Amino acid sequence: MQIMIITYFGKQFFKIEQGKLVTAFNPVSKSSKTGINTHFGADIALVTTNHPDYNGLEQLSHGERSPFEITGPGDYEVKEIFIKGVLSNALIAGKSYINTIYIFSIDNIKVVFLGALSDGEISKEAREAINNPDILFVPVGDKGMLDAKGAAKLASSLEPKMIIPMDYDSASLKAFLKESGEEKAEVVDKLTLKLKDLDGKEGEVVVLKEA
């Protein structure tokens, strides 16, 4: 059983390391106005939303390592990992986008990444695919995406063992933790865990600091 290491770079940009496998979510592009500029090599890259804050695939090639890119709904198999992308909606700065919810398992840890989801009423297909995840990444920053209340309600209904908020500022994070009843949530620089670490957990919120 391998250790999973999760690192957060801001917005919805995460890296998951499992052994030698590196998976990245929603890399921030160079044309984004966020000021986030993180660059490393990944094996798998998942982009939920075609927006500069989330589609910076150019940031994930380094040396001889360049990622297999997944940028929309469908069923994929990469390096013996099955990834399902389910259609949903994003609303950014008043403009509608396609958003993809990704569901997959690494070393028997089921991960669900909601992306820039704007509607807490997700489809029946999405709910059936998500089905009691171990780790749920949920946006809590509002600005067209789920607000704190909507994020907490949806997260609770999906019954994850662990919840990782993303795309937050201090005010939205505080509101989300209050709505979740998790004001004393653990705050970490990196999250390091094994499957057994999730035993007995029900909706525990862990906050990752930006690296």
C-alpha atoms as a PDB file:
ATOM      1  CA  MET A   1       0.000   0.000   0.000  1.00  0.00           C
ATOM      2  CA  GLN A   2       1.609   3.204  -1.184  1.00  0.00           C
ATOM      3  CA  ILE A   3       1.528   6.653   0.338  1.00  0.00           C
ATOM      4  CA  MET A   4      -0.481   9.361  -1.431  1.00  0.00           C
ATOM      5  CA  ILE A   5       0.947  12.895  -1.237  1.00  0.00           C
ATOM      6  CA  ILE A   6      -1.316  15.814  -2.196  1.00  0.00           C
ATOM      7  CA  THR A   7       0.104  19.307  -2.763  1.00  0.00           C
ATOM      8  CA  TYR A   8      -1.934  22.479  -3.411  1.00  0.00           C
ATOM      9  CA  PHE A   9      -0.672  25.423  -5.473  1.00  0.00           C
ATOM     10  CA  GLY A  10      -3.748  27.674  -5.394  1.00  0.00           C
ATOM     11  CA  LYS A  11      -7.057  28.009  -7.290  1.00  0.00           C
ATOM     12  CA  GLN A  12      -7.737  24.349  -8.185  1.00  0.00           C
ATOM     13  CA  PHE A  13      -4.168  23.361  -9.022  1.00  0.00           C
ATOM     14  CA  PHE A  14      -3.232  20.157  -7.211  1.00  0.00           C
ATOM     15  CA  LYS A  15      -0.573  17.497  -7.555  1.00  0.00           C
ATOM     16  CA  ILE A  16      -1.113  13.928  -6.370  1.00  0.00           C
ATOM     17  CA  GLU A  17       1.968  11.733  -6.078  1.00  0.00           C
ATOM     18  CA  GLN A  18       1.564   8.000  -5.656  1.00  0.00           C
ATOM     19  CA  GLY A  19       4.883   6.199  -5.946  1.00  0.00           C
ATOM     20  CA  LYS A  20       6.392   7.400  -9.229  1.00  0.00           C
ATOM     21  CA  LEU A  21       3.018   8.399 -10.697  1.00  0.00           C
ATOM     22  CA  VAL A  22       2.261  12.148 -10.776  1.00  0.00           C
ATOM     23  CA  THR A  23      -1.284  13.317 -11.479  1.00  0.00           C
ATOM     24  CA  ALA A  24      -2.150  17.016 -11.746  1.00  0.00           C
ATOM     25  CA  PHE A  25      -5.495  18.835 -11.730  1.00  0.00           C
ATOM     26  CA  ASN A  26      -6.431  22.185 -13.265  1.00  0.00           C
ATOM     27  CA  PRO A  27      -2.967  23.689 -13.729  1.00  0.00           C
ATOM     28  CA  VAL A  28      -2.979  27.484 -13.796  1.00  0.00           C
ATOM     29  CA  SER A  29      -1.866  28.775 -17.208  1.00  0.00           C
ATOM     30  CA  LYS A  30       0.694  31.492 -17.819  1.00  0.00           C
ATOM     31  CA  SER A  31      -2.067  33.726 -19.192  1.00  0.00           C
ATOM     32  CA  SER A  32      -4.030  33.558 -15.925  1.00  0.00           C
ATOM     33  CA  LYS A  33      -4.196  36.753 -13.871  1.00  0.00           C
ATOM     34  CA  THR A  34      -3.779  34.848 -10.582  1.00  0.00           C
ATOM     35  CA  GLY A  35      -0.001  35.187 -10.469  1.00  0.00           C
ATOM     36  CA  ILE A  36       0.356  31.452  -9.810  1.00  0.00           C
ATOM     37  CA  ASN A  37       3.254  30.058 -11.843  1.00  0.00           C
ATOM     38  CA  THR A  38       4.111  26.482 -10.894  1.00  0.00           C
ATOM     39  CA  HIS A  39       5.835  24.142 -13.343  1.00  0.00           C
ATOM     40  CA  PHE A  40       6.641  20.420 -13.004  1.00  0.00           C
ATOM     41  CA  GLY A  41       6.404  17.187 -14.980  1.00  0.00           C
ATOM     42  CA  ALA A  42       3.233  15.093 -14.665  1.00  0.00           C
ATOM     43  CA  ASP A  43       2.125  11.725 -16.030  1.00  0.00           C
ATOM     44  CA  ILE A  44      -1.606  12.485 -16.094  1.00  0.00           C
ATOM     45  CA  ALA A  45      -3.204  15.929 -16.421  1.00  0.00           C
ATOM     46  CA  LEU A  46      -6.888  16.534 -15.783  1.00  0.00           C
ATOM     47  CA  VAL A  47      -8.534  19.792 -16.854  1.00  0.00           C
ATOM     48  CA  THR A  48     -12.154  20.358 -15.842  1.00  0.00           C
ATOM     49  CA  THR A  49     -12.752  23.737 -17.454  1.00  0.00           C
ATOM     50  CA  ASN A  50     -11.278  25.469 -20.505  1.00  0.00           C
ATOM     51  CA  HIS A  51     -10.357  28.699 -18.727  1.00  0.00           C
ATOM     52  CA  PRO A  52      -6.875  30.188 -18.110  1.00  0.00           C
ATOM     53  CA  ASP A  53      -7.177  29.603 -14.360  1.00  0.00           C
ATOM     54  CA  TYR A  54      -7.541  25.859 -14.958  1.00  0.00           C
ATOM     55  CA  ASN A  55      -6.168  24.857 -18.389  1.00  0.00           C
ATOM     56  CA  GLY A  56      -2.411  25.492 -18.174  1.00  0.00           C
ATOM     57  CA  LEU A  57      -1.286  22.163 -19.588  1.00  0.00           C
ATOM     58  CA  GLU A  58       1.961  23.777 -20.749  1.00  0.00           C
ATOM     59  CA  GLN A  59       2.995  23.911 -17.074  1.00  0.00           C
ATOM     60  CA  LEU A  60       3.054  20.116 -16.730  1.00  0.00           C
ATOM     61  CA  SER A  61       5.857  19.113 -19.096  1.00  0.00           C
ATOM     62  CA  HIS A  62       9.390  18.909 -17.750  1.00  0.00           C
ATOM     63  CA  GLY A  63      12.391  17.147 -19.257  1.00  0.00           C
ATOM     64  CA  GLU A  64      11.203  13.899 -20.813  1.00  0.00           C
ATOM     65  CA  ARG A  65       8.007  13.839 -18.779  1.00  0.00           C
ATOM     66  CA  SER A  66       4.854  15.134 -20.459  1.00  0.00           C
ATOM     67  CA  PRO A  67       1.339  14.184 -19.370  1.00  0.00           C
ATOM     68  CA  PHE A  68      -1.509  12.254 -20.894  1.00  0.00           C
ATOM     69  CA  GLU A  69      -4.078  15.047 -21.178  1.00  0.00           C
ATOM     70  CA  ILE A  70      -7.749  14.616 -20.262  1.00  0.00           C
ATOM     71  CA  THR A  71      -9.879  17.686 -20.907  1.00  0.00           C
ATOM     72  CA  GLY A  72     -13.510  16.593 -20.967  1.00  0.00           C
ATOM     73  CA  PRO A  73     -16.190  13.973 -20.279  1.00  0.00           C
ATOM     74  CA  GLY A  74     -15.607  10.339 -21.175  1.00  0.00           C
ATOM     75  CA  ASP A  75     -14.036   7.117 -19.956  1.00  0.00           C
ATOM     76  CA  TYR A  76     -10.260   6.826 -19.957  1.00  0.00           C
ATOM     77  CA  GLU A  77      -7.600   4.323 -18.946  1.00  0.00           C
ATOM     78  CA  VAL A  78      -4.112   5.646 -18.300  1.00  0.00           C
ATOM     79  CA  LYS A  79      -1.323   3.663 -16.626  1.00  0.00           C
ATOM     80  CA  GLU A  80      -3.870   1.109 -15.347  1.00  0.00           C
ATOM     81  CA  ILE A  81      -6.007   3.855 -13.790  1.00  0.00           C
ATOM     82  CA  PHE A  82      -9.618   4.146 -14.927  1.00  0.00           C
ATOM     83  CA  ILE A  83     -10.855   7.734 -15.024  1.00  0.00           C
ATOM     84  CA  LYS A  84     -14.447   8.782 -15.608  1.00  0.00           C
ATOM     85  CA  GLY A  85     -15.324  12.334 -16.614  1.00  0.00           C
ATOM     86  CA  VAL A  86     -18.945  13.420 -16.193  1.00  0.00           C
ATOM     87  CA  LEU A  87     -20.465  16.543 -17.743  1.00  0.00           C
ATOM     88  CA  SER A  88     -21.535  19.431 -15.512  1.00  0.00           C
ATOM     89  CA  ASN A  89     -21.612  23.240 -15.634  1.00  0.00           C
ATOM     90  CA  ALA A  90     -19.296  26.083 -14.664  1.00  0.00           C
ATOM     91  CA  LEU A  91     -20.032  29.803 -14.488  1.00  0.00           C
ATOM     92  CA  ILE A  92     -16.983  32.060 -14.384  1.00  0.00           C
ATOM     93  CA  ALA A  93     -17.261  35.866 -14.491  1.00  0.00           C
ATOM     94  CA  GLY A  94     -20.802  35.516 -15.826  1.00  0.00           C
ATOM     95  CA  LYS A  95     -19.784  33.240 -18.688  1.00  0.00           C
ATOM     96  CA  SER A  96     -20.925  29.607 -18.970  1.00  0.00           C
ATOM     97  CA  TYR A  97     -18.390  26.819 -19.485  1.00  0.00           C
ATOM     98  CA  ILE A  98     -18.456  23.058 -19.687  1.00  0.00           C
ATOM     99  CA  ASN A  99     -17.136  21.571 -16.454  1.00  0.00           C
ATOM    100  CA  THR A 100     -16.056  17.957 -16.048  1.00  0.00           C
ATOM    101  CA  ILE A 101     -16.301  16.093 -12.749  1.00  0.00           C
ATOM    102  CA  TYR A 102     -13.549  13.458 -12.573  1.00  0.00           C
ATOM    103  CA  ILE A 103     -13.810  10.186 -10.663  1.00  0.00           C
ATOM    104  CA  PHE A 104     -10.995   7.636 -10.352  1.00  0.00           C
ATOM    105  CA  SER A 105      -9.166   5.385  -7.877  1.00  0.00           C
ATOM    106  CA  ILE A 106      -5.459   5.237  -7.074  1.00  0.00           C
ATOM    107  CA  ASP A 107      -4.348   2.323  -4.888  1.00  0.00           C
ATOM    108  CA  ASN A 108      -7.990   1.744  -3.860  1.00  0.00           C
ATOM    109  CA  ILE A 109      -8.442   5.373  -2.753  1.00  0.00           C
ATOM    110  CA  LYS A 110     -11.432   6.783  -4.633  1.00  0.00           C
ATOM    111  CA  VAL A 111     -10.947  10.419  -5.597  1.00  0.00           C
ATOM    112  CA  VAL A 112     -13.619  12.816  -6.876  1.00  0.00           C
ATOM    113  CA  PHE A 113     -12.631  16.224  -8.251  1.00  0.00           C
ATOM    114  CA  LEU A 114     -15.595  18.573  -8.797  1.00  0.00           C
ATOM    115  CA  GLY A 115     -13.698  21.308 -10.676  1.00  0.00           C
ATOM    116  CA  ALA A 116     -15.298  24.725 -11.200  1.00  0.00           C
ATOM    117  CA  LEU A 117     -18.773  23.388 -10.508  1.00  0.00           C
ATOM    118  CA  SER A 118     -21.458  26.083 -10.332  1.00  0.00           C
ATOM    119  CA  ASP A 119     -24.583  23.998  -9.710  1.00  0.00           C
ATOM    120  CA  GLY A 120     -25.109  21.895  -6.594  1.00  0.00           C
ATOM    121  CA  GLU A 121     -27.819  19.923  -8.393  1.00  0.00           C
ATOM    122  CA  ILE A 122     -25.561  17.481 -10.218  1.00  0.00           C
ATOM    123  CA  SER A 123     -26.886  14.847 -12.604  1.00  0.00           C
ATOM    124  CA  LYS A 124     -28.029  11.369 -11.652  1.00  0.00           C
ATOM    125  CA  GLU A 125     -25.145   9.987 -13.728  1.00  0.00           C
ATOM    126  CA  ALA A 126     -22.658  12.062 -11.736  1.00  0.00           C
ATOM    127  CA  ARG A 127     -24.106  10.959  -8.387  1.00  0.00           C
ATOM    128  CA  GLU A 128     -24.028   7.293  -9.382  1.00  0.00           C
ATOM    129  CA  ALA A 129     -20.416   7.585 -10.543  1.00  0.00           C
ATOM    130  CA  ILE A 130     -19.304   9.484  -7.420  1.00  0.00           C
ATOM    131  CA  ASN A 131     -20.957   7.048  -4.968  1.00  0.00           C
ATOM    132  CA  ASN A 132     -19.287   7.480  -1.556  1.00  0.00           C
ATOM    133  CA  PRO A 133     -15.816   8.796  -2.437  1.00  0.00           C
ATOM    134  CA  ASP A 134     -12.837   8.583  -0.129  1.00  0.00           C
ATOM    135  CA  ILE A 135     -11.579  12.080  -1.023  1.00  0.00           C
ATOM    136  CA  LEU A 136     -13.731  14.891  -2.431  1.00  0.00           C
ATOM    137  CA  PHE A 137     -12.210  18.101  -3.830  1.00  0.00           C
ATOM    138  CA  VAL A 138     -14.867  20.832  -3.699  1.00  0.00           C
ATOM    139  CA  PRO A 139     -14.774  24.513  -4.767  1.00  0.00           C
ATOM    140  CA  VAL A 140     -15.936  26.879  -2.025  1.00  0.00           C
ATOM    141  CA  GLY A 141     -15.032  30.313  -3.384  1.00  0.00           C
ATOM    142  CA  ASP A 142     -18.354  31.356  -4.945  1.00  0.00           C
ATOM    143  CA  LYS A 143     -17.745  33.921  -7.782  1.00  0.00           C
ATOM    144  CA  GLY A 144     -20.090  31.842  -9.929  1.00  0.00           C
ATOM    145  CA  MET A 145     -19.017  28.534  -8.436  1.00  0.00           C
ATOM    146  CA  LEU A 146     -20.551  26.850  -5.423  1.00  0.00           C
ATOM    147  CA  ASP A 147     -20.761  29.148  -2.422  1.00  0.00           C
ATOM    148  CA  ALA A 148     -19.900  27.964   1.072  1.00  0.00           C
ATOM    149  CA  LYS A 149     -23.426  26.827   1.888  1.00  0.00           C
ATOM    150  CA  GLY A 150     -23.963  25.071  -1.457  1.00  0.00           C
ATOM    151  CA  ALA A 151     -20.543  23.420  -1.284  1.00  0.00           C
ATOM    152  CA  ALA A 152     -21.126  22.152   2.252  1.00  0.00           C
ATOM    153  CA  LYS A 153     -24.581  20.815   1.349  1.00  0.00           C
ATOM    154  CA  LEU A 154     -23.374  19.010  -1.774  1.00  0.00           C
ATOM    155  CA  ALA A 155     -20.287  17.618  -0.046  1.00  0.00           C
ATOM    156  CA  SER A 156     -22.361  16.258   2.807  1.00  0.00           C
ATOM    157  CA  SER A 157     -24.843  14.614   0.418  1.00  0.00           C
ATOM    158  CA  LEU A 158     -22.027  12.771  -1.396  1.00  0.00           C
ATOM    159  CA  GLU A 159     -20.843  11.208   1.903  1.00  0.00           C
ATOM    160  CA  PRO A 160     -17.081  11.386   1.373  1.00  0.00           C
ATOM    161  CA  LYS A 161     -14.644  10.294   4.049  1.00  0.00           C
ATOM    162  CA  MET A 162     -12.499  13.393   3.534  1.00  0.00           C
ATOM    163  CA  ILE A 163     -13.228  16.801   1.994  1.00  0.00           C
ATOM    164  CA  ILE A 164     -10.553  19.111   0.559  1.00  0.00           C
ATOM    165  CA  PRO A 165     -11.775  22.676  -0.147  1.00  0.00           C
ATOM    166  CA  MET A 166     -10.249  24.581  -3.066  1.00  0.00           C
ATOM    167  CA  ASP A 167     -10.484  27.874  -4.921  1.00  0.00           C
ATOM    168  CA  TYR A 168     -11.018  29.687  -1.641  1.00  0.00           C
ATOM    169  CA  ASP A 169     -10.067  32.955   0.007  1.00  0.00           C
ATOM    170  CA  SER A 170      -9.964  33.398   3.774  1.00  0.00           C
ATOM    171  CA  ALA A 171     -13.601  34.563   3.995  1.00  0.00           C
ATOM    172  CA  SER A 172     -15.091  31.781   1.859  1.00  0.00           C
ATOM    173  CA  LEU A 173     -12.991  29.138   3.601  1.00  0.00           C
ATOM    174  CA  LYS A 174     -14.123  30.347   7.010  1.00  0.00           C
ATOM    175  CA  ALA A 175     -17.761  30.302   5.863  1.00  0.00           C
ATOM    176  CA  PHE A 176     -17.391  26.790   4.413  1.00  0.00           C
ATOM    177  CA  LEU A 177     -15.816  25.426   7.584  1.00  0.00           C
ATOM    178  CA  LYS A 178     -18.641  26.927   9.638  1.00  0.00           C
ATOM    179  CA  GLU A 179     -21.309  25.463   7.329  1.00  0.00           C
ATOM    180  CA  SER A 180     -19.580  22.090   7.555  1.00  0.00           C
ATOM    181  CA  GLY A 181     -19.260  22.213  11.329  1.00  0.00           C
ATOM    182  CA  GLU A 182     -15.503  21.876  10.889  1.00  0.00           C
ATOM    183  CA  GLU A 183     -14.172  25.167  12.274  1.00  0.00           C
ATOM    184  CA  LYS A 184     -11.257  23.270  13.818  1.00  0.00           C
ATOM    185  CA  ALA A 185     -10.300  21.511  10.582  1.00  0.00           C
ATOM    186  CA  GLU A 186      -6.685  20.454  10.268  1.00  0.00           C
ATOM    187  CA  VAL A 187      -4.523  22.789   8.174  1.00  0.00           C
ATOM    188  CA  VAL A 188      -1.493  21.187   6.499  1.00  0.00           C
ATOM    189  CA  ASP A 189       1.250  22.097   4.013  1.00  0.00           C
ATOM    190  CA  LYS A 190       0.898  18.723   2.271  1.00  0.00           C
ATOM    191  CA  LEU A 191      -1.485  15.850   2.848  1.00  0.00           C
ATOM    192  CA  THR A 192       0.208  12.475   3.206  1.00  0.00           C
ATOM    193  CA  LEU A 193      -2.019   9.443   3.684  1.00  0.00           C
ATOM    194  CA  LYS A 194      -2.667   5.757   3.091  1.00  0.00           C
ATOM    195  CA  LEU A 195      -6.012   4.040   2.583  1.00  0.00           C
ATOM    196  CA  LYS A 196      -6.104   2.890   6.219  1.00  0.00           C
ATOM    197  CA  ASP A 197      -5.846   6.534   7.354  1.00  0.00           C
ATOM    198  CA  LEU A 198      -9.366   7.064   5.983  1.00  0.00           C
ATOM    199  CA  ASP A 199     -10.916   4.293   8.084  1.00  0.00           C
ATOM    200  CA  GLY A 200     -13.800   5.575  10.195  1.00  0.00           C
ATOM    201  CA  LYS A 201     -13.750   9.098   8.773  1.00  0.00           C
ATOM    202  CA  GLU A 202     -17.019  10.768   7.747  1.00  0.00           C
ATOM    203  CA  GLY A 203     -16.798  14.139   6.015  1.00  0.00           C
ATOM    204  CA  GLU A 204     -13.604  15.256   7.724  1.00  0.00           C
ATOM    205  CA  VAL A 205     -12.361  18.523   6.212  1.00  0.00           C
ATOM    206  CA  VAL A 206      -8.620  18.988   5.650  1.00  0.00           C
ATOM    207  CA  VAL A 207      -7.365  22.385   4.461  1.00  0.00           C
ATOM    208  CA  LEU A 208      -4.207  22.499   2.352  1.00  0.00           C
ATOM    209  CA  LYS A 209      -2.107  25.656   2.340  1.00  0.00           C
ATOM    210  CA  GLU A 210      -0.857  26.947  -0.984  1.00  0.00           C
ATOM    211  CA  ALA A 211       2.661  25.674  -1.651  1.00  0.00           C
END
